[in-house]
N, C-alpha and C. Protein backbone atom coordinates (compact mmCIF):
# COMPACT_ATOMS: atom_id res chain seq x y z
N MET A 1 27.10 -59.08 5.51
CA MET A 1 27.05 -59.98 6.64
C MET A 1 27.27 -61.42 6.14
N PRO A 2 28.47 -61.91 6.19
CA PRO A 2 28.81 -63.21 5.62
C PRO A 2 27.99 -64.37 6.20
N GLU A 3 27.73 -64.37 7.50
CA GLU A 3 26.97 -65.45 8.11
C GLU A 3 25.54 -65.49 7.57
N ALA A 4 24.92 -64.34 7.41
CA ALA A 4 23.57 -64.27 6.86
C ALA A 4 23.56 -64.77 5.42
N ASP A 5 24.58 -64.45 4.65
CA ASP A 5 24.67 -64.93 3.27
C ASP A 5 24.74 -66.46 3.23
N PHE A 6 25.48 -67.02 4.17
CA PHE A 6 25.61 -68.47 4.26
C PHE A 6 24.25 -69.10 4.53
N TYR A 7 23.55 -68.61 5.55
CA TYR A 7 22.25 -69.17 5.90
C TYR A 7 21.21 -68.93 4.82
N ASP A 8 21.26 -67.80 4.17
CA ASP A 8 20.32 -67.53 3.07
C ASP A 8 20.53 -68.52 1.94
N TYR A 9 21.76 -68.84 1.63
CA TYR A 9 22.03 -69.83 0.57
C TYR A 9 21.55 -71.21 1.00
N VAL A 10 21.94 -71.63 2.18
CA VAL A 10 21.59 -72.97 2.66
C VAL A 10 20.08 -73.16 2.71
N ARG A 11 19.36 -72.13 3.08
CA ARG A 11 17.90 -72.23 3.18
C ARG A 11 17.20 -72.04 1.83
N GLY A 12 17.93 -71.68 0.81
CA GLY A 12 17.33 -71.51 -0.51
C GLY A 12 16.75 -70.13 -0.73
N ARG A 13 17.12 -69.19 0.12
CA ARG A 13 16.64 -67.82 -0.02
C ARG A 13 17.48 -67.04 -1.03
N SER A 14 18.65 -67.57 -1.34
CA SER A 14 19.56 -66.95 -2.29
C SER A 14 20.31 -68.04 -3.03
N ASP A 15 20.68 -67.75 -4.26
CA ASP A 15 21.52 -68.67 -5.03
C ASP A 15 22.92 -68.11 -5.24
N VAL A 16 23.24 -67.04 -4.53
CA VAL A 16 24.56 -66.43 -4.60
C VAL A 16 25.47 -67.14 -3.60
N VAL A 17 26.52 -67.76 -4.10
CA VAL A 17 27.46 -68.48 -3.24
C VAL A 17 28.22 -67.46 -2.40
N PRO A 18 28.16 -67.61 -1.07
CA PRO A 18 28.85 -66.65 -0.21
C PRO A 18 30.37 -66.66 -0.44
N GLU A 19 30.95 -65.52 -0.27
CA GLU A 19 32.39 -65.37 -0.43
C GLU A 19 33.11 -66.32 0.52
N GLY A 20 34.14 -66.95 0.01
CA GLY A 20 34.95 -67.86 0.81
C GLY A 20 34.46 -69.30 0.78
N HIS A 21 33.39 -69.57 0.01
CA HIS A 21 32.83 -70.92 -0.09
C HIS A 21 32.77 -71.33 -1.55
N THR A 22 32.79 -72.63 -1.77
CA THR A 22 32.64 -73.14 -3.13
C THR A 22 31.18 -73.48 -3.39
N GLU A 23 30.82 -73.46 -4.67
CA GLU A 23 29.44 -73.80 -5.03
C GLU A 23 29.13 -75.24 -4.64
N ALA A 24 30.06 -76.14 -4.90
CA ALA A 24 29.83 -77.55 -4.56
C ALA A 24 29.64 -77.74 -3.05
N GLY A 25 30.44 -77.07 -2.28
CA GLY A 25 30.32 -77.16 -0.82
C GLY A 25 29.00 -76.61 -0.32
N MET A 26 28.58 -75.50 -0.88
CA MET A 26 27.32 -74.88 -0.46
C MET A 26 26.13 -75.73 -0.89
N ARG A 27 26.22 -76.34 -2.07
CA ARG A 27 25.13 -77.25 -2.50
C ARG A 27 25.03 -78.43 -1.54
N ALA A 28 26.16 -78.92 -1.06
CA ALA A 28 26.16 -80.03 -0.11
C ALA A 28 25.50 -79.61 1.21
N TYR A 29 25.84 -78.42 1.71
CA TYR A 29 25.20 -77.92 2.93
C TYR A 29 23.69 -77.82 2.74
N ARG A 30 23.27 -77.24 1.61
CA ARG A 30 21.84 -77.06 1.34
C ARG A 30 21.15 -78.43 1.30
N HIS A 31 21.76 -79.37 0.61
CA HIS A 31 21.18 -80.71 0.52
C HIS A 31 21.03 -81.34 1.91
N LEU A 32 22.06 -81.23 2.73
CA LEU A 32 22.01 -81.85 4.06
C LEU A 32 20.95 -81.21 4.95
N VAL A 33 20.78 -79.91 4.87
CA VAL A 33 19.75 -79.23 5.65
C VAL A 33 18.37 -79.70 5.20
N HIS A 34 18.14 -79.73 3.90
CA HIS A 34 16.85 -80.19 3.39
C HIS A 34 16.60 -81.66 3.72
N LEU A 35 17.62 -82.48 3.60
CA LEU A 35 17.49 -83.90 3.92
C LEU A 35 17.15 -84.10 5.40
N GLY A 36 17.87 -83.42 6.27
CA GLY A 36 17.61 -83.53 7.70
C GLY A 36 16.21 -83.06 8.06
N ALA A 37 15.79 -81.93 7.49
CA ALA A 37 14.45 -81.42 7.75
C ALA A 37 13.41 -82.41 7.24
N SER A 38 13.60 -82.93 6.06
CA SER A 38 12.67 -83.88 5.47
C SER A 38 12.53 -85.13 6.34
N GLN A 39 13.63 -85.66 6.79
CA GLN A 39 13.59 -86.88 7.60
C GLN A 39 12.91 -86.65 8.95
N MET A 40 13.21 -85.54 9.59
CA MET A 40 12.61 -85.26 10.90
C MET A 40 11.11 -84.99 10.77
N ILE A 41 10.71 -84.26 9.76
CA ILE A 41 9.30 -83.96 9.59
C ILE A 41 8.53 -85.21 9.17
N GLU A 42 9.12 -86.00 8.29
CA GLU A 42 8.48 -87.24 7.87
C GLU A 42 8.29 -88.19 9.04
N ALA A 43 9.21 -88.19 10.00
CA ALA A 43 9.08 -89.06 11.17
C ALA A 43 7.81 -88.73 11.96
N HIS A 44 7.42 -87.47 11.97
CA HIS A 44 6.22 -87.04 12.69
C HIS A 44 4.97 -87.07 11.80
N HIS A 45 5.14 -86.99 10.50
CA HIS A 45 4.01 -86.87 9.57
C HIS A 45 4.14 -87.82 8.38
N PRO A 46 4.27 -89.13 8.63
CA PRO A 46 4.44 -90.06 7.51
C PRO A 46 3.22 -90.08 6.58
N GLU A 47 2.03 -89.86 7.14
CA GLU A 47 0.83 -89.87 6.31
C GLU A 47 0.81 -88.69 5.35
N LEU A 48 1.31 -87.54 5.78
CA LEU A 48 1.40 -86.37 4.91
C LEU A 48 2.39 -86.64 3.78
N ARG A 49 3.51 -87.23 4.11
CA ARG A 49 4.53 -87.57 3.12
C ARG A 49 3.96 -88.51 2.07
N SER A 50 3.24 -89.52 2.51
CA SER A 50 2.65 -90.49 1.58
C SER A 50 1.59 -89.84 0.70
N ALA A 51 0.77 -88.99 1.28
CA ALA A 51 -0.32 -88.36 0.55
C ALA A 51 0.18 -87.39 -0.52
N LEU A 52 1.28 -86.71 -0.24
CA LEU A 52 1.78 -85.69 -1.16
C LEU A 52 2.54 -86.26 -2.35
N GLY A 53 3.28 -87.33 -2.15
CA GLY A 53 4.15 -87.83 -3.20
C GLY A 53 5.47 -87.08 -3.20
N ASP A 54 6.43 -87.58 -3.96
CA ASP A 54 7.81 -87.07 -3.91
C ASP A 54 7.93 -85.59 -4.28
N GLU A 55 7.39 -85.22 -5.41
CA GLU A 55 7.58 -83.85 -5.90
C GLU A 55 6.95 -82.81 -4.98
N ALA A 56 5.72 -83.03 -4.58
CA ALA A 56 5.03 -82.09 -3.70
C ALA A 56 5.68 -82.06 -2.31
N TRP A 57 6.14 -83.22 -1.84
CA TRP A 57 6.82 -83.28 -0.54
C TRP A 57 8.10 -82.44 -0.56
N GLN A 58 8.91 -82.62 -1.61
CA GLN A 58 10.16 -81.86 -1.71
C GLN A 58 9.88 -80.35 -1.81
N ALA A 59 8.83 -79.99 -2.53
CA ALA A 59 8.46 -78.57 -2.63
C ALA A 59 8.03 -78.02 -1.28
N LEU A 60 7.27 -78.82 -0.52
CA LEU A 60 6.84 -78.39 0.81
C LEU A 60 8.03 -78.20 1.73
N ILE A 61 8.96 -79.15 1.73
CA ILE A 61 10.14 -79.06 2.59
C ILE A 61 10.98 -77.84 2.19
N ALA A 62 11.18 -77.63 0.90
CA ALA A 62 11.97 -76.48 0.44
C ALA A 62 11.32 -75.18 0.88
N ASP A 63 10.00 -75.09 0.76
CA ASP A 63 9.29 -73.88 1.17
C ASP A 63 9.38 -73.68 2.68
N PHE A 64 9.23 -74.76 3.43
CA PHE A 64 9.35 -74.69 4.88
C PHE A 64 10.73 -74.20 5.29
N VAL A 65 11.77 -74.80 4.75
CA VAL A 65 13.14 -74.41 5.11
C VAL A 65 13.38 -72.95 4.73
N ARG A 66 12.90 -72.54 3.57
CA ARG A 66 13.11 -71.17 3.10
C ARG A 66 12.35 -70.15 3.96
N GLN A 67 11.09 -70.45 4.33
CA GLN A 67 10.24 -69.47 4.99
C GLN A 67 10.18 -69.57 6.50
N SER A 68 10.60 -70.67 7.06
CA SER A 68 10.39 -70.88 8.49
C SER A 68 11.22 -69.92 9.34
N ALA A 69 10.78 -69.81 10.57
CA ALA A 69 11.50 -69.00 11.56
C ALA A 69 12.41 -69.89 12.40
N TRP A 70 12.67 -71.09 11.92
CA TRP A 70 13.49 -72.08 12.63
C TRP A 70 14.89 -71.53 12.86
N THR A 71 15.28 -71.42 14.11
CA THR A 71 16.61 -70.89 14.44
C THR A 71 17.46 -71.87 15.24
N SER A 72 16.85 -72.95 15.69
CA SER A 72 17.56 -73.93 16.49
C SER A 72 18.58 -74.67 15.64
N HIS A 73 19.63 -75.12 16.27
CA HIS A 73 20.64 -75.92 15.59
C HIS A 73 20.30 -77.42 15.68
N PHE A 74 19.16 -77.74 16.28
CA PHE A 74 18.77 -79.12 16.49
C PHE A 74 17.57 -79.48 15.62
N TYR A 75 17.72 -80.53 14.83
CA TYR A 75 16.63 -80.96 13.97
C TYR A 75 15.42 -81.40 14.79
N GLY A 76 15.64 -81.87 16.00
CA GLY A 76 14.54 -82.31 16.85
C GLY A 76 13.57 -81.20 17.19
N ASP A 77 13.99 -79.95 17.06
CA ASP A 77 13.13 -78.81 17.35
C ASP A 77 12.25 -78.43 16.16
N LEU A 78 12.37 -79.13 15.07
CA LEU A 78 11.64 -78.78 13.85
C LEU A 78 10.14 -79.02 13.94
N HIS A 79 9.72 -79.99 14.70
CA HIS A 79 8.31 -80.37 14.70
C HIS A 79 7.40 -79.20 15.04
N ASP A 80 7.68 -78.51 16.13
CA ASP A 80 6.83 -77.37 16.52
C ASP A 80 6.88 -76.25 15.49
N GLU A 81 8.05 -76.00 14.93
CA GLU A 81 8.17 -74.96 13.91
C GLU A 81 7.41 -75.36 12.65
N PHE A 82 7.43 -76.63 12.31
CA PHE A 82 6.70 -77.09 11.14
C PHE A 82 5.19 -76.91 11.34
N LEU A 83 4.70 -77.22 12.53
CA LEU A 83 3.28 -77.01 12.81
C LEU A 83 2.92 -75.53 12.71
N SER A 84 3.78 -74.65 13.20
CA SER A 84 3.56 -73.20 13.07
C SER A 84 3.56 -72.79 11.61
N TYR A 85 4.47 -73.34 10.84
CA TYR A 85 4.55 -73.05 9.41
C TYR A 85 3.26 -73.47 8.71
N LEU A 86 2.79 -74.69 8.99
CA LEU A 86 1.55 -75.16 8.36
C LEU A 86 0.38 -74.27 8.72
N ASP A 87 0.33 -73.81 9.96
CA ASP A 87 -0.74 -72.91 10.39
C ASP A 87 -0.67 -71.60 9.60
N ARG A 88 0.52 -71.05 9.44
CA ARG A 88 0.67 -69.80 8.69
C ARG A 88 0.27 -69.98 7.22
N VAL A 89 0.68 -71.10 6.63
CA VAL A 89 0.38 -71.36 5.22
C VAL A 89 -1.13 -71.53 5.02
N GLN A 90 -1.78 -72.20 5.93
CA GLN A 90 -3.22 -72.44 5.80
C GLN A 90 -4.02 -71.15 5.92
N ARG A 91 -3.50 -70.18 6.68
CA ARG A 91 -4.21 -68.91 6.86
C ARG A 91 -4.05 -67.98 5.67
N THR A 92 -3.09 -68.26 4.79
CA THR A 92 -2.89 -67.36 3.63
C THR A 92 -3.51 -67.91 2.38
């Protein structure tokens, strides 16, 4: 399933570059998804961003993007999914 391979790579679930794509291009997609998620979540949770510091913040965003059930094409929909993610993480 080529589309699933694409999304798995972009979300960091796989490091296998999907057929028909270049590694550089896929790294750019992954970076943009993580950057967009980071910016939108930080807009709602600046105190969390400040408290965690750069390394822990980037790890949190990477884990969120990798594990979340986020299916919307709109970054604005991330806030509710991020709250659900935090709830799931706190329960485990």
